[in-house]
Amino acid sequence: MFRVHSVLKYAAVLAAAFCIMAATASPSQAQTGTVRLHVVKAGFIIGVGGGSGVLHFQGHSFPLRLGGIGIGSLGVAAVDLSGTASNLHRASDIAGTYGAAGAGATFVGGGQVATLQNEHGVVLRVSGPQVGFQVTLGLGGMTIGMGR
């Protein structure tokens, strides 16, 4: 009797451990990928930007295209950004409109750091050196699409 009880207890512990591991590995949980973006922006009062990039997620690389408009821009700048994209359930979640409010100025050799979020809850945390001169006051938006 004692032996059967021990075996049942052991089986219950194994079943519970299996359920916990299966829930932890669930594909429905958000994951993080890495991004590299090349952005070029120019403007006087209204800025226009564009560029390209790549998302590395779950062992695959996905090409990205970038666009955006900012109000209160002055100057021309190019920036190569790298960082993370978190809260991804699938690669296509990165597509959407990102926005950030702020005021700042960057000169030749300066750097950019940004935390942006889209309507799917994806959060981009990127940084990189900027070349050129750009002053931005107000709300800037960036749109990311999948593909070239």
Foldseek 3Di string as FASTA:
>chain_A
DVVVVVVVVVVVVVVVVVVVVCVVPDLQFKDKWKKKWKKKWADDQKIKMWTKIWIQDPNDIWIKIKIWMAGAKHWIKIWIKIFMKIRDSDPQLVFFKWKDADWDWAAAFGKDWDWIAGPSGIITTMMTTMGIIMTGHTMMMMGMGTDD
